[in-house]
N, C-alpha and C. Protein backbone atom coordinates (compact mmCIF):
# COMPACT_ATOMS: atom_id res chain seq x y z
N MET A 1 -19.59 4.00 -2.74
CA MET A 1 -18.24 4.53 -3.22
C MET A 1 -17.31 5.36 -2.39
N ALA A 2 -15.77 5.11 -2.66
CA ALA A 2 -15.01 6.18 -1.51
C ALA A 2 -14.97 7.54 -2.51
N LYS A 3 -14.77 8.52 -2.04
CA LYS A 3 -14.64 9.62 -2.25
C LYS A 3 -13.53 9.64 -3.41
N LEU A 4 -13.47 10.41 -4.34
CA LEU A 4 -12.45 9.96 -5.68
C LEU A 4 -11.33 10.73 -5.22
N SER A 5 -11.10 12.00 -4.45
CA SER A 5 -10.06 12.59 -3.75
C SER A 5 -9.34 11.44 -2.70
N SER A 6 -9.63 9.96 -2.21
CA SER A 6 -9.15 9.99 -1.44
C SER A 6 -8.35 8.34 -2.16
N ILE A 7 -9.24 8.28 -3.21
CA ILE A 7 -8.57 7.32 -3.97
C ILE A 7 -7.66 7.99 -4.94
N ASN A 8 -7.26 8.75 -5.34
CA ASN A 8 -6.38 9.92 -5.97
C ASN A 8 -4.85 9.88 -5.72
N LYS A 9 -5.54 10.23 -3.88
CA LYS A 9 -4.28 10.02 -3.19
C LYS A 9 -3.71 8.96 -2.92
N ASN A 10 -4.45 8.24 -3.17
CA ASN A 10 -4.11 7.01 -2.40
C ASN A 10 -3.07 6.04 -4.06
N ASN A 11 -3.60 6.57 -5.22
CA ASN A 11 -2.44 6.21 -6.40
C ASN A 11 -1.72 7.31 -6.29
N LYS A 12 -1.38 8.36 -6.15
CA LYS A 12 -0.75 9.61 -5.96
C LYS A 12 0.58 8.50 -4.43
N ARG A 13 0.23 7.87 -3.63
CA ARG A 13 1.24 7.52 -3.18
C ARG A 13 1.85 6.35 -3.28
N ILE A 14 1.09 5.69 -4.65
CA ILE A 14 1.42 4.56 -5.01
C ILE A 14 2.68 4.52 -5.85
N LYS A 15 2.55 5.88 -6.40
CA LYS A 15 3.41 6.10 -7.92
C LYS A 15 4.73 6.52 -7.36
N LEU A 16 4.52 7.58 -6.15
CA LEU A 16 5.77 7.96 -5.11
C LEU A 16 6.09 6.75 -4.63
N SER A 17 6.06 5.81 -4.13
CA SER A 17 6.85 4.79 -3.17
C SER A 17 7.35 3.59 -4.23
N ASP A 18 6.84 3.53 -5.69
CA ASP A 18 7.50 3.40 -6.95
C ASP A 18 8.80 3.64 -7.21
N LYS A 19 8.44 4.81 -7.30
CA LYS A 19 9.53 5.78 -7.82
C LYS A 19 11.05 5.72 -6.76
N PHE A 20 10.38 6.06 -5.55
CA PHE A 20 11.80 5.85 -4.72
C PHE A 20 12.05 4.91 -3.83
N TYR A 21 11.56 3.65 -4.46
CA TYR A 21 11.70 2.73 -3.92
C TYR A 21 13.30 1.86 -3.39
N LYS A 22 13.71 2.02 -4.57
CA LYS A 22 15.10 2.18 -4.17
C LYS A 22 16.15 2.44 -3.69
N LYS A 23 15.79 3.73 -3.80
CA LYS A 23 16.55 4.80 -3.17
C LYS A 23 16.32 4.72 -1.34
N ARG A 24 15.18 4.56 -0.88
CA ARG A 24 15.07 4.33 -0.08
C ARG A 24 15.47 3.21 1.05
N GLU A 25 15.37 2.05 -0.24
CA GLU A 25 16.00 0.66 0.57
C GLU A 25 17.76 0.97 0.61
N LYS A 26 18.40 1.73 -0.07
CA LYS A 26 19.30 1.90 -0.14
C LYS A 26 19.97 2.48 1.48
N LEU A 27 18.88 3.50 1.35
CA LEU A 27 19.48 4.70 2.91
C LEU A 27 19.21 3.88 3.66
N LYS A 28 18.32 3.11 4.01
CA LYS A 28 17.81 2.34 4.87
C LYS A 28 18.97 1.20 5.51
N LYS A 29 19.55 0.47 4.22
CA LYS A 29 20.48 -0.66 4.55
C LYS A 29 21.71 0.17 5.39
N ILE A 30 22.20 1.59 4.77
CA ILE A 30 23.12 2.35 5.46
C ILE A 30 22.83 2.51 6.54
N VAL A 31 21.83 2.93 6.67
CA VAL A 31 20.97 3.56 8.55
C VAL A 31 21.13 2.53 9.19
N MET A 32 20.78 0.74 9.09
CA MET A 32 20.51 -0.07 9.86
C MET A 32 22.16 -0.91 9.89
N ASP A 33 23.19 -0.38 9.24
CA ASP A 33 24.12 -1.17 9.36
C ASP A 33 25.63 -0.78 10.54
N LYS A 34 24.94 -1.29 11.51
CA LYS A 34 26.04 -0.71 12.86
C LYS A 34 27.97 -0.98 12.52
N LYS A 35 27.94 -1.55 11.65
CA LYS A 35 29.57 -1.40 11.19
C LYS A 35 29.81 0.04 10.99
N LEU A 36 29.07 0.82 10.01
CA LEU A 36 29.44 1.81 9.63
C LEU A 36 29.45 2.92 10.54
N PRO A 37 30.46 4.34 10.37
CA PRO A 37 30.43 5.16 11.17
C PRO A 37 29.29 5.92 11.68
N PHE A 38 29.24 6.37 12.78
CA PHE A 38 28.29 6.76 13.31
C PHE A 38 27.59 8.38 12.52
N GLU A 39 28.73 9.34 11.69
CA GLU A 39 28.42 10.31 11.23
C GLU A 39 27.47 9.55 9.71
N GLU A 40 28.11 8.90 8.99
CA GLU A 40 27.87 8.50 7.91
C GLU A 40 26.71 7.88 8.08
N ARG A 41 26.09 7.29 8.76
CA ARG A 41 24.25 6.68 9.27
C ARG A 41 23.55 7.75 9.44
N PHE A 42 24.23 9.17 10.46
CA PHE A 42 23.14 10.17 10.53
C PHE A 42 22.94 10.77 9.28
N LYS A 43 24.29 11.10 8.49
CA LYS A 43 23.51 11.51 7.25
C LYS A 43 23.19 10.92 6.20
N ALA A 44 22.95 9.42 6.01
CA ALA A 44 21.84 8.59 5.20
C ALA A 44 20.34 9.00 6.05
N GLN A 45 20.22 8.96 6.91
CA GLN A 45 19.03 9.47 8.00
C GLN A 45 18.78 10.39 7.80
N GLN A 46 19.60 11.39 7.36
CA GLN A 46 19.09 13.03 6.93
C GLN A 46 17.97 12.76 6.11
N LYS A 47 19.11 12.18 4.94
CA LYS A 47 18.91 12.03 3.57
C LYS A 47 17.41 11.46 3.34
N LEU A 48 17.42 10.46 3.77
CA LEU A 48 16.05 9.52 4.16
C LEU A 48 14.55 10.51 4.54
N SER A 49 14.91 11.10 5.63
CA SER A 49 13.94 12.09 5.80
C SER A 49 13.69 13.12 5.06
N LYS A 50 14.36 13.58 4.25
CA LYS A 50 14.11 14.52 3.40
C LYS A 50 13.32 14.17 2.08
N LEU A 51 13.25 12.87 1.96
CA LEU A 51 12.65 12.22 1.08
C LEU A 51 10.90 12.71 1.55
N PRO A 52 10.16 12.26 0.75
CA PRO A 52 8.84 12.94 0.73
C PRO A 52 7.76 11.49 1.54
N ARG A 53 6.98 12.14 2.53
CA ARG A 53 6.50 10.93 3.52
C ARG A 53 5.81 10.24 2.67
N ASN A 54 4.87 10.64 1.55
CA ASN A 54 4.13 9.72 0.61
C ASN A 54 5.17 8.66 0.33
N SER A 55 5.92 8.80 -0.04
CA SER A 55 6.99 7.85 -0.64
C SER A 55 7.11 6.66 -0.29
N ALA A 56 6.64 6.21 1.12
CA ALA A 56 7.01 5.42 2.20
C ALA A 56 6.07 4.10 1.73
N LYS A 57 6.09 3.28 1.68
CA LYS A 57 5.24 2.03 1.19
C LYS A 57 4.34 1.77 2.23
N ILE A 58 4.59 2.19 3.16
CA ILE A 58 3.59 1.79 4.65
C ILE A 58 2.61 3.09 4.34
N ARG A 59 2.38 3.77 3.73
CA ARG A 59 1.77 4.88 3.44
C ARG A 59 0.28 4.80 2.55
N VAL A 60 1.02 3.36 1.89
CA VAL A 60 -0.05 2.87 0.96
C VAL A 60 -1.25 1.93 1.29
N MET A 61 -2.50 2.70 1.28
CA MET A 61 -3.52 1.88 1.67
C MET A 61 -4.15 0.75 0.61
N ASN A 62 -4.41 -0.25 1.10
CA ASN A 62 -4.76 -1.31 0.18
C ASN A 62 -6.60 -1.21 0.24
N ARG A 63 -7.03 -0.82 -1.18
CA ARG A 63 -8.29 -0.19 -1.44
C ARG A 63 -8.76 -1.23 -2.30
N CYS A 64 -10.31 -1.44 -2.23
CA CYS A 64 -10.84 -2.11 -3.06
C CYS A 64 -10.77 -1.64 -4.62
N GLN A 65 -10.78 -2.33 -5.28
CA GLN A 65 -10.29 -2.64 -6.90
C GLN A 65 -11.56 -2.05 -7.72
N ILE A 66 -12.83 -2.51 -7.21
CA ILE A 66 -14.25 -1.97 -7.32
C ILE A 66 -14.86 -0.57 -7.07
N THR A 67 -14.75 -0.38 -5.91
CA THR A 67 -15.50 0.44 -4.94
C THR A 67 -14.45 1.53 -4.55
N GLY A 68 -13.46 0.90 -4.28
CA GLY A 68 -12.39 2.39 -3.73
C GLY A 68 -12.52 2.19 -1.61
N ARG A 69 -13.04 0.75 -1.36
CA ARG A 69 -13.03 1.09 0.29
C ARG A 69 -11.71 0.83 0.90
N PRO A 70 -11.65 1.37 1.95
CA PRO A 70 -10.21 1.09 2.34
C PRO A 70 -10.14 -0.36 3.50
N HIS A 71 -11.42 -0.46 3.75
CA HIS A 71 -11.46 -1.23 5.13
C HIS A 71 -11.95 -2.66 4.70
N GLY A 72 -11.63 -3.81 5.04
CA GLY A 72 -12.06 -5.46 5.23
C GLY A 72 -11.68 -5.84 3.44
N VAL A 73 -10.59 -5.36 3.25
CA VAL A 73 -10.15 -5.75 2.12
C VAL A 73 -9.39 -6.69 1.52
N TYR A 74 -9.80 -8.04 1.02
CA TYR A 74 -8.84 -9.36 0.56
C TYR A 74 -7.51 -9.04 0.11
N ARG A 75 -6.68 -9.23 0.42
CA ARG A 75 -5.50 -8.71 -0.18
C ARG A 75 -4.81 -9.59 -1.54
N LYS A 76 -5.37 -10.87 -1.50
CA LYS A 76 -5.01 -11.69 -2.73
C LYS A 76 -6.51 -11.73 -3.78
N LEU A 77 -7.90 -11.14 -3.91
CA LEU A 77 -7.99 -10.74 -4.71
C LEU A 77 -8.45 -9.31 -4.75
N LYS A 78 -7.83 -8.18 -3.76
CA LYS A 78 -7.78 -7.06 -3.68
C LYS A 78 -8.89 -5.99 -4.26
N ILE A 79 -10.27 -6.60 -3.74
CA ILE A 79 -11.58 -6.44 -3.04
C ILE A 79 -12.10 -6.52 -1.95
N SER A 80 -13.12 -5.66 -1.52
CA SER A 80 -13.60 -5.85 -0.53
C SER A 80 -14.38 -6.76 -0.09
N ARG A 81 -15.05 -7.04 1.14
CA ARG A 81 -16.12 -8.55 1.46
C ARG A 81 -16.73 -8.12 1.15
N ILE A 82 -17.76 -6.79 1.03
CA ILE A 82 -18.96 -6.14 0.50
C ILE A 82 -18.87 -6.42 -1.55
N ALA A 83 -17.98 -5.78 -1.68
CA ALA A 83 -18.13 -6.21 -3.09
C ALA A 83 -18.02 -7.77 -3.41
N LEU A 84 -17.18 -8.63 -2.61
CA LEU A 84 -17.12 -10.08 -2.65
C LEU A 84 -17.94 -10.61 -2.82
N ARG A 85 -18.98 -10.01 -1.90
CA ARG A 85 -20.58 -10.69 -1.89
C ARG A 85 -21.47 -10.65 -2.71
N GLN A 86 -21.17 -9.33 -3.30
CA GLN A 86 -22.18 -8.89 -4.44
C GLN A 86 -21.96 -9.62 -5.36
N LEU A 87 -20.45 -9.78 -5.73
CA LEU A 87 -20.06 -10.47 -6.88
C LEU A 87 -20.50 -12.01 -6.38
N GLY A 88 -20.34 -12.80 -5.80
CA GLY A 88 -20.92 -14.16 -5.08
C GLY A 88 -21.99 -14.38 -5.57
N LEU A 89 -22.94 -13.26 -5.09
CA LEU A 89 -24.40 -13.53 -5.18
C LEU A 89 -24.94 -13.84 -6.76
N GLN A 90 -24.06 -12.82 -7.34
CA GLN A 90 -24.48 -12.81 -9.03
C GLN A 90 -23.83 -14.20 -9.63
N GLY A 91 -22.88 -14.76 -8.92
CA GLY A 91 -22.46 -15.79 -9.62
C GLY A 91 -21.08 -15.52 -10.50
N LYS A 92 -20.46 -14.52 -10.49
CA LYS A 92 -19.25 -14.00 -11.30
C LYS A 92 -18.05 -14.31 -10.70
N ILE A 93 -18.32 -14.67 -9.61
CA ILE A 93 -16.69 -15.53 -9.29
C ILE A 93 -17.00 -17.36 -9.23
N PRO A 94 -16.27 -17.59 -9.65
CA PRO A 94 -16.39 -19.43 -9.96
C PRO A 94 -15.75 -19.74 -8.92
N GLY A 95 -16.76 -21.32 -7.68
CA GLY A 95 -16.25 -21.82 -7.52
C GLY A 95 -17.17 -20.95 -5.31
N LEU A 96 -17.09 -19.70 -5.66
CA LEU A 96 -18.09 -19.58 -4.22
C LEU A 96 -19.51 -19.27 -4.25
N VAL A 97 -19.66 -20.05 -3.47
CA VAL A 97 -20.89 -20.07 -3.25
C VAL A 97 -21.82 -19.55 -1.93
N LYS A 98 -22.79 -19.06 -1.62
CA LYS A 98 -23.06 -18.46 -0.54
C LYS A 98 -23.84 -19.71 0.08
N SER A 99 -23.34 -19.79 1.86
CA SER A 99 -23.91 -20.69 2.34
C SER A 99 -24.75 -20.61 2.94
N SER A 100 -26.00 -21.42 3.11
CA SER A 100 -27.11 -21.18 4.05
C SER A 100 -27.54 -22.40 4.65
N TRP A 101 -28.11 -22.88 5.85
CA TRP A 101 -28.11 -23.59 6.18
C TRP A 101 -29.63 -23.44 6.72
């Protein structure tokens, strides 16, 4: 199990990124639009930098839903490689068979 504080920190980042998603996207479009005047783009960049850092989607870590492990997580299943193996050995994942030869 991962530390509870790191799991809670990541959950906070998820909430912040959801909250500020539309605002960040709108400001990013303004900043990237080369047709707009420099001053307007610069003001948009300043507003973007004043938003909380943890509201950026890139700061959210993919964590295992079972153990909270941050690395070796399958995106589609949202569980780590270790948890996947344990569930597979218990026969709880349909179609998954441990290969041996």
